[in-house]
């Protein structure tokens, strides 16, 4: 079995007068043949924490809240695996078509499908065996989650004759999502803040990072 883990960084707000609205939005895929190595990375980070740090984390490593030391340690553990298995699409939100700005769920589904299509087209994962895509839960609305899953399944089946299992989980339920969260945050920080210090640690693991809408 192969796995694809999905997470995003930034937000899909388009009111740039609001202070916390990001200029960029990034969706990142991490694909692997097995997820045990990712889970071990997370466990190794927690073993390095003090008892107070373990308690404060509630079982979750979140890139935005972590110390530089923890971020660097997890990214270095990932880099040491020497895998080229990261794809990302970044949006300069000011260039997103107005119609899509008003249809945020449609935009999210569309971008995700582009990444999934690239993985299949480039044959980066064996499409003749079972594949599970695990997306980090961003919606509590059951209908929107069902729509997301149905749309992706339909697209890959029609375009690549691929049956894919799609799961939507929280980072506490699926530890591997904590790794892709760190990767996505590192790529996002490169574009949003011009800080490449974290991205440079995983640059060799990144196959593609392409813009959408110019």
C-alpha atoms as a PDB file:
ATOM      1  CA  UNK A   1       0.000   0.000   0.000  1.00  0.00           C
ATOM      2  CA  UNK A   2       1.072   3.577  -0.692  1.00  0.00           C
ATOM      3  CA  UNK A   3       0.069   6.684   1.209  1.00  0.00           C
ATOM      4  CA  UNK A   4      -0.367  10.336   0.322  1.00  0.00           C
ATOM      5  CA  UNK A   5      -0.544  12.791   3.211  1.00  0.00           C
ATOM      6  CA  UNK A   6      -2.014  16.218   2.579  1.00  0.00           C
ATOM      7  CA  UNK A   7      -1.846  19.445   4.521  1.00  0.00           C
ATOM      8  CA  UNK A   8      -2.011  23.153   3.762  1.00  0.00           C
ATOM      9  CA  UNK A   9      -0.543  26.384   5.103  1.00  0.00           C
ATOM     10  CA  UNK A  10      -1.911  29.884   4.979  1.00  0.00           C
ATOM     11  CA  UNK A  11      -5.598  30.630   4.650  1.00  0.00           C
ATOM     12  CA  UNK A  12      -8.171  31.053   1.917  1.00  0.00           C
ATOM     13  CA  UNK A  13      -9.361  34.463   3.072  1.00  0.00           C
ATOM     14  CA  UNK A  14      -9.288  37.212   0.434  1.00  0.00           C
ATOM     15  CA  UNK A  15      -9.906  40.295   2.564  1.00  0.00           C
ATOM     16  CA  UNK A  16      -6.369  41.620   2.551  1.00  0.00           C
ATOM     17  CA  UNK A  17      -7.327  44.513   4.809  1.00  0.00           C
ATOM     18  CA  UNK A  18      -7.423  42.000   7.651  1.00  0.00           C
ATOM     19  CA  UNK A  19      -4.064  41.791   9.383  1.00  0.00           C
ATOM     20  CA  UNK A  20      -3.929  37.992   9.646  1.00  0.00           C
ATOM     21  CA  UNK A  21      -4.952  37.248   6.046  1.00  0.00           C
ATOM     22  CA  UNK A  22      -2.042  35.515   4.307  1.00  0.00           C
ATOM     23  CA  UNK A  23      -0.744  36.560   0.900  1.00  0.00           C
ATOM     24  CA  UNK A  24      -0.066  32.945  -0.109  1.00  0.00           C
ATOM     25  CA  UNK A  25      -1.769  29.592   0.285  1.00  0.00           C
ATOM     26  CA  UNK A  26       0.139  26.316  -0.013  1.00  0.00           C
ATOM     27  CA  UNK A  27      -1.105  22.752  -0.420  1.00  0.00           C
ATOM     28  CA  UNK A  28       1.501  20.045   0.101  1.00  0.00           C
ATOM     29  CA  UNK A  29       1.557  16.317  -0.669  1.00  0.00           C
ATOM     30  CA  UNK A  30       3.894  13.853   1.008  1.00  0.00           C
ATOM     31  CA  UNK A  31       3.796  10.379  -0.539  1.00  0.00           C
ATOM     32  CA  UNK A  32       5.374   7.227   0.862  1.00  0.00           C
ATOM     33  CA  UNK A  33       5.234   3.450   0.445  1.00  0.00           C
ATOM     34  CA  UNK A  34       4.866   2.990   4.180  1.00  0.00           C
ATOM     35  CA  UNK A  35       4.170   5.403   7.021  1.00  0.00           C
ATOM     36  CA  UNK A  36       6.086   3.737   9.855  1.00  0.00           C
ATOM     37  CA  UNK A  37       9.188   5.879   9.275  1.00  0.00           C
ATOM     38  CA  UNK A  38       7.106   9.072   9.540  1.00  0.00           C
ATOM     39  CA  UNK A  39       5.496   7.906  12.763  1.00  0.00           C
ATOM     40  CA  UNK A  40       8.935   7.113  14.178  1.00  0.00           C
ATOM     41  CA  UNK A  41      10.103  10.671  13.460  1.00  0.00           C
ATOM     42  CA  UNK A  42       7.252  12.074  15.515  1.00  0.00           C
ATOM     43  CA  UNK A  43       7.902   9.609  18.341  1.00  0.00           C
ATOM     44  CA  UNK A  44      11.571  10.546  18.355  1.00  0.00           C
ATOM     45  CA  UNK A  45      10.704  14.225  18.765  1.00  0.00           C
ATOM     46  CA  UNK A  46       8.420  13.464  21.692  1.00  0.00           C
ATOM     47  CA  UNK A  47      11.115  11.355  23.353  1.00  0.00           C
ATOM     48  CA  UNK A  48      13.384  14.426  23.302  1.00  0.00           C
ATOM     49  CA  UNK A  49      10.790  16.549  25.149  1.00  0.00           C
ATOM     50  CA  UNK A  50      10.688  17.076  28.885  1.00  0.00           C
ATOM     51  CA  UNK A  51       7.628  15.801  30.775  1.00  0.00           C
ATOM     52  CA  UNK A  52       6.176  19.327  30.818  1.00  0.00           C
ATOM     53  CA  UNK A  53       6.717  19.705  27.057  1.00  0.00           C
ATOM     54  CA  UNK A  54       5.016  16.368  26.391  1.00  0.00           C
ATOM     55  CA  UNK A  55       2.035  17.439  28.481  1.00  0.00           C
ATOM     56  CA  UNK A  56       1.768  20.828  26.763  1.00  0.00           C
ATOM     57  CA  UNK A  57       1.793  19.286  23.290  1.00  0.00           C
ATOM     58  CA  UNK A  58      -1.216  17.002  23.820  1.00  0.00           C
ATOM     59  CA  UNK A  59       0.240  14.491  21.384  1.00  0.00           C
ATOM     60  CA  UNK A  60       0.616  16.968  18.509  1.00  0.00           C
ATOM     61  CA  UNK A  61       3.592  18.719  16.940  1.00  0.00           C
ATOM     62  CA  UNK A  62       2.339  21.842  15.164  1.00  0.00           C
ATOM     63  CA  UNK A  63       4.862  23.733  13.039  1.00  0.00           C
ATOM     64  CA  UNK A  64       3.489  27.209  13.743  1.00  0.00           C
ATOM     65  CA  UNK A  65       3.723  26.767  17.512  1.00  0.00           C
ATOM     66  CA  UNK A  66       7.041  24.913  17.732  1.00  0.00           C
ATOM     67  CA  UNK A  67      10.447  26.226  18.715  1.00  0.00           C
ATOM     68  CA  UNK A  68      13.090  26.600  15.982  1.00  0.00           C
ATOM     69  CA  UNK A  69      14.988  23.735  17.612  1.00  0.00           C
ATOM     70  CA  UNK A  70      12.052  21.323  17.313  1.00  0.00           C
ATOM     71  CA  UNK A  71      11.307  22.386  13.733  1.00  0.00           C
ATOM     72  CA  UNK A  72      14.906  21.898  12.669  1.00  0.00           C
ATOM     73  CA  UNK A  73      15.150  18.537  14.408  1.00  0.00           C
ATOM     74  CA  UNK A  74      12.060  17.115  12.690  1.00  0.00           C
ATOM     75  CA  UNK A  75      13.067  18.493   9.288  1.00  0.00           C
ATOM     76  CA  UNK A  76      16.555  17.057   9.667  1.00  0.00           C
ATOM     77  CA  UNK A  77      15.112  13.654  10.578  1.00  0.00           C
ATOM     78  CA  UNK A  78      13.024  13.822   7.427  1.00  0.00           C
ATOM     79  CA  UNK A  79      15.941  14.938   5.252  1.00  0.00           C
ATOM     80  CA  UNK A  80      18.090  12.064   6.527  1.00  0.00           C
ATOM     81  CA  UNK A  81      15.634   9.618   4.950  1.00  0.00           C
ATOM     82  CA  UNK A  82      16.828  10.960   1.589  1.00  0.00           C
ATOM     83  CA  UNK A  83      13.430  10.576  -0.079  1.00  0.00           C
ATOM     84  CA  UNK A  84      12.243  12.747  -2.969  1.00  0.00           C
ATOM     85  CA  UNK A  85       8.581  12.642  -2.149  1.00  0.00           C
ATOM     86  CA  UNK A  86       7.199  16.148  -1.618  1.00  0.00           C
ATOM     87  CA  UNK A  87       4.991  18.066  -4.052  1.00  0.00           C
ATOM     88  CA  UNK A  88       3.449  21.468  -3.451  1.00  0.00           C
ATOM     89  CA  UNK A  89       1.365  24.107  -5.179  1.00  0.00           C
ATOM     90  CA  UNK A  90       1.427  27.681  -3.954  1.00  0.00           C
ATOM     91  CA  UNK A  91      -1.098  30.383  -4.753  1.00  0.00           C
ATOM     92  CA  UNK A  92      -0.432  34.093  -4.814  1.00  0.00           C
ATOM     93  CA  UNK A  93      -3.961  34.798  -3.648  1.00  0.00           C
ATOM     94  CA  UNK A  94      -4.155  38.222  -5.278  1.00  0.00           C
ATOM     95  CA  UNK A  95      -3.951  36.465  -8.655  1.00  0.00           C
ATOM     96  CA  UNK A  96      -6.761  33.989  -7.988  1.00  0.00           C
ATOM     97  CA  UNK A  97      -9.774  34.516 -10.239  1.00  0.00           C
ATOM     98  CA  UNK A  98     -12.569  36.440  -8.534  1.00  0.00           C
ATOM     99  CA  UNK A  99     -15.063  33.643  -9.194  1.00  0.00           C
ATOM    100  CA  UNK A 100     -12.867  31.135  -7.340  1.00  0.00           C
ATOM    101  CA  UNK A 101     -12.336  33.574  -4.473  1.00  0.00           C
ATOM    102  CA  UNK A 102     -16.052  33.240  -3.796  1.00  0.00           C
ATOM    103  CA  UNK A 103     -15.951  29.431  -4.035  1.00  0.00           C
ATOM    104  CA  UNK A 104     -13.249  28.492  -1.558  1.00  0.00           C
ATOM    105  CA  UNK A 105     -14.174  24.828  -1.308  1.00  0.00           C
ATOM    106  CA  UNK A 106     -14.196  24.503  -5.105  1.00  0.00           C
ATOM    107  CA  UNK A 107     -10.768  26.172  -5.218  1.00  0.00           C
ATOM    108  CA  UNK A 108      -9.378  23.841  -2.553  1.00  0.00           C
ATOM    109  CA  UNK A 109     -10.702  20.755  -4.311  1.00  0.00           C
ATOM    110  CA  UNK A 110      -9.369  21.995  -7.658  1.00  0.00           C
ATOM    111  CA  UNK A 111      -5.840  22.579  -6.380  1.00  0.00           C
ATOM    112  CA  UNK A 112      -5.757  19.246  -4.568  1.00  0.00           C
ATOM    113  CA  UNK A 113      -6.831  17.450  -7.722  1.00  0.00           C
ATOM    114  CA  UNK A 114      -4.016  19.097  -9.708  1.00  0.00           C
ATOM    115  CA  UNK A 115      -1.460  17.652  -7.293  1.00  0.00           C
ATOM    116  CA  UNK A 116      -3.105  14.251  -7.376  1.00  0.00           C
ATOM    117  CA  UNK A 117      -3.115  14.316 -11.162  1.00  0.00           C
ATOM    118  CA  UNK A 118       0.613  15.147 -11.242  1.00  0.00           C
ATOM    119  CA  UNK A 119       1.453  12.269  -8.942  1.00  0.00           C
ATOM    120  CA  UNK A 120      -0.474   9.862 -11.174  1.00  0.00           C
ATOM    121  CA  UNK A 121       0.791  11.275 -14.470  1.00  0.00           C
ATOM    122  CA  UNK A 122       4.420  11.198 -13.338  1.00  0.00           C
ATOM    123  CA  UNK A 123       3.875   7.713 -11.876  1.00  0.00           C
ATOM    124  CA  UNK A 124       5.427   8.786  -8.598  1.00  0.00           C
ATOM    125  CA  UNK A 125       3.393   6.149  -6.813  1.00  0.00           C
ATOM    126  CA  UNK A 126       2.422   2.672  -8.056  1.00  0.00           C
ATOM    127  CA  UNK A 127      -1.077   3.224  -9.417  1.00  0.00           C
ATOM    128  CA  UNK A 128      -1.700  -0.499  -9.796  1.00  0.00           C
ATOM    129  CA  UNK A 129      -1.949  -1.042  -6.036  1.00  0.00           C
ATOM    130  CA  UNK A 130      -4.018   0.305  -3.178  1.00  0.00           C
ATOM    131  CA  UNK A 131      -3.483   3.983  -2.392  1.00  0.00           C
ATOM    132  CA  UNK A 132      -4.789   5.875   0.611  1.00  0.00           C
ATOM    133  CA  UNK A 133      -4.874   9.666   0.671  1.00  0.00           C
ATOM    134  CA  UNK A 134      -5.051  11.069   4.188  1.00  0.00           C
ATOM    135  CA  UNK A 135      -6.039  14.731   4.376  1.00  0.00           C
ATOM    136  CA  UNK A 136      -5.689  16.818   7.498  1.00  0.00           C
ATOM    137  CA  UNK A 137      -9.171  17.784   8.674  1.00  0.00           C
ATOM    138  CA  UNK A 138      -9.865  21.435   7.855  1.00  0.00           C
ATOM    139  CA  UNK A 139     -13.658  21.260   7.727  1.00  0.00           C
ATOM    140  CA  UNK A 140     -16.092  20.155  10.390  1.00  0.00           C
ATOM    141  CA  UNK A 141     -18.905  20.244   7.854  1.00  0.00           C
ATOM    142  CA  UNK A 142     -19.654  16.616   6.966  1.00  0.00           C
ATOM    143  CA  UNK A 143     -21.149  17.540   3.595  1.00  0.00           C
ATOM    144  CA  UNK A 144     -18.053  19.473   2.493  1.00  0.00           C
ATOM    145  CA  UNK A 145     -15.811  16.568   3.499  1.00  0.00           C
ATOM    146  CA  UNK A 146     -17.974  14.137   1.552  1.00  0.00           C
ATOM    147  CA  UNK A 147     -17.905  16.454  -1.455  1.00  0.00           C
ATOM    148  CA  UNK A 148     -14.104  16.663  -1.276  1.00  0.00           C
ATOM    149  CA  UNK A 149     -13.735  12.873  -1.184  1.00  0.00           C
ATOM    150  CA  UNK A 150     -16.296  12.220  -3.928  1.00  0.00           C
ATOM    151  CA  UNK A 151     -14.749  14.810  -6.246  1.00  0.00           C
ATOM    152  CA  UNK A 152     -11.199  13.446  -5.946  1.00  0.00           C
ATOM    153  CA  UNK A 153     -12.294   9.822  -6.307  1.00  0.00           C
ATOM    154  CA  UNK A 154     -14.263  10.676  -9.445  1.00  0.00           C
ATOM    155  CA  UNK A 155     -11.390  12.622 -11.014  1.00  0.00           C
ATOM    156  CA  UNK A 156      -8.695   9.984 -10.536  1.00  0.00           C
ATOM    157  CA  UNK A 157     -11.000   7.183 -11.570  1.00  0.00           C
ATOM    158  CA  UNK A 158     -12.013   8.947 -14.794  1.00  0.00           C
ATOM    159  CA  UNK A 159      -8.548  10.249 -15.660  1.00  0.00           C
ATOM    160  CA  UNK A 160      -6.274   7.485 -14.384  1.00  0.00           C
ATOM    161  CA  UNK A 161      -8.528   4.457 -13.782  1.00  0.00           C
ATOM    162  CA  UNK A 162      -7.409   4.586 -10.193  1.00  0.00           C
ATOM    163  CA  UNK A 163      -9.416   3.581  -7.156  1.00  0.00           C
ATOM    164  CA  UNK A 164      -8.243   5.553  -4.169  1.00  0.00           C
ATOM    165  CA  UNK A 165      -9.243   5.446  -0.538  1.00  0.00           C
ATOM    166  CA  UNK A 166      -9.638   8.910   1.000  1.00  0.00           C
ATOM    167  CA  UNK A 167      -9.557   9.537   4.727  1.00  0.00           C
ATOM    168  CA  UNK A 168      -9.942  12.837   6.573  1.00  0.00           C
ATOM    169  CA  UNK A 169      -8.273  12.762   9.971  1.00  0.00           C
ATOM    170  CA  UNK A 170      -6.854  15.016  12.633  1.00  0.00           C
ATOM    171  CA  UNK A 171      -3.089  15.127  13.332  1.00  0.00           C
ATOM    172  CA  UNK A 172      -3.753  13.418  16.660  1.00  0.00           C
ATOM    173  CA  UNK A 173      -5.421  10.513  14.865  1.00  0.00           C
ATOM    174  CA  UNK A 174      -2.743  10.245  12.149  1.00  0.00           C
ATOM    175  CA  UNK A 175       0.767  11.077  13.362  1.00  0.00           C
ATOM    176  CA  UNK A 176       2.184  11.257   9.820  1.00  0.00           C
ATOM    177  CA  UNK A 177       0.123  14.398   9.207  1.00  0.00           C
ATOM    178  CA  UNK A 178       2.345  16.168  11.722  1.00  0.00           C
ATOM    179  CA  UNK A 179       5.304  15.648   9.395  1.00  0.00           C
ATOM    180  CA  UNK A 180       3.555  17.022   6.300  1.00  0.00           C
ATOM    181  CA  UNK A 181       2.352  19.963   8.407  1.00  0.00           C
ATOM    182  CA  UNK A 182       5.984  20.839   9.099  1.00  0.00           C
ATOM    183  CA  UNK A 183       6.913  20.466   5.438  1.00  0.00           C
ATOM    184  CA  UNK A 184       4.010  22.600   4.246  1.00  0.00           C
ATOM    185  CA  UNK A 185       4.744  25.302   6.818  1.00  0.00           C
ATOM    186  CA  UNK A 186       8.385  25.423   5.687  1.00  0.00           C
ATOM    187  CA  UNK A 187       7.392  25.934   2.048  1.00  0.00           C
ATOM    188  CA  UNK A 188       4.762  28.502   3.028  1.00  0.00           C
ATOM    189  CA  UNK A 189       7.273  30.481   5.082  1.00  0.00           C
ATOM    190  CA  UNK A 190       9.550  30.702   2.062  1.00  0.00           C
ATOM    191  CA  UNK A 191       6.899  32.551   0.046  1.00  0.00           C
ATOM    192  CA  UNK A 192       4.968  34.372   2.751  1.00  0.00           C
ATOM    193  CA  UNK A 193       7.945  35.699   4.715  1.00  0.00           C
ATOM    194  CA  UNK A 194      10.934  35.228   2.403  1.00  0.00           C
ATOM    195  CA  UNK A 195      12.527  32.893   4.958  1.00  0.00           C
ATOM    196  CA  UNK A 196      14.146  29.878   3.273  1.00  0.00           C
ATOM    197  CA  UNK A 197      16.036  28.609   6.326  1.00  0.00           C
ATOM    198  CA  UNK A 198      13.582  25.779   7.029  1.00  0.00           C
ATOM    199  CA  UNK A 199      12.795  25.070   3.383  1.00  0.00           C
ATOM    200  CA  UNK A 200      16.490  24.601   2.616  1.00  0.00           C
ATOM    201  CA  UNK A 201      16.558  21.648   5.004  1.00  0.00           C
ATOM    202  CA  UNK A 202      14.058  19.731   2.837  1.00  0.00           C
ATOM    203  CA  UNK A 203      14.812  21.229  -0.566  1.00  0.00           C
ATOM    204  CA  UNK A 204      16.370  18.001  -1.865  1.00  0.00           C
ATOM    205  CA  UNK A 205      13.233  16.071  -0.844  1.00  0.00           C
ATOM    206  CA  UNK A 206      10.973  18.319  -2.904  1.00  0.00           C
ATOM    207  CA  UNK A 207      10.178  17.155  -6.428  1.00  0.00           C
ATOM    208  CA  UNK A 208       7.971  20.060  -7.400  1.00  0.00           C
ATOM    209  CA  UNK A 209       6.658  23.332  -6.039  1.00  0.00           C
ATOM    210  CA  UNK A 210       4.713  25.149  -8.666  1.00  0.00           C
ATOM    211  CA  UNK A 211       2.648  28.340  -8.717  1.00  0.00           C
ATOM    212  CA  UNK A 212      -0.981  28.428  -9.755  1.00  0.00           C
ATOM    213  CA  UNK A 213      -2.526  31.419 -11.561  1.00  0.00           C
ATOM    214  CA  UNK A 214       0.870  32.889 -12.362  1.00  0.00           C
END
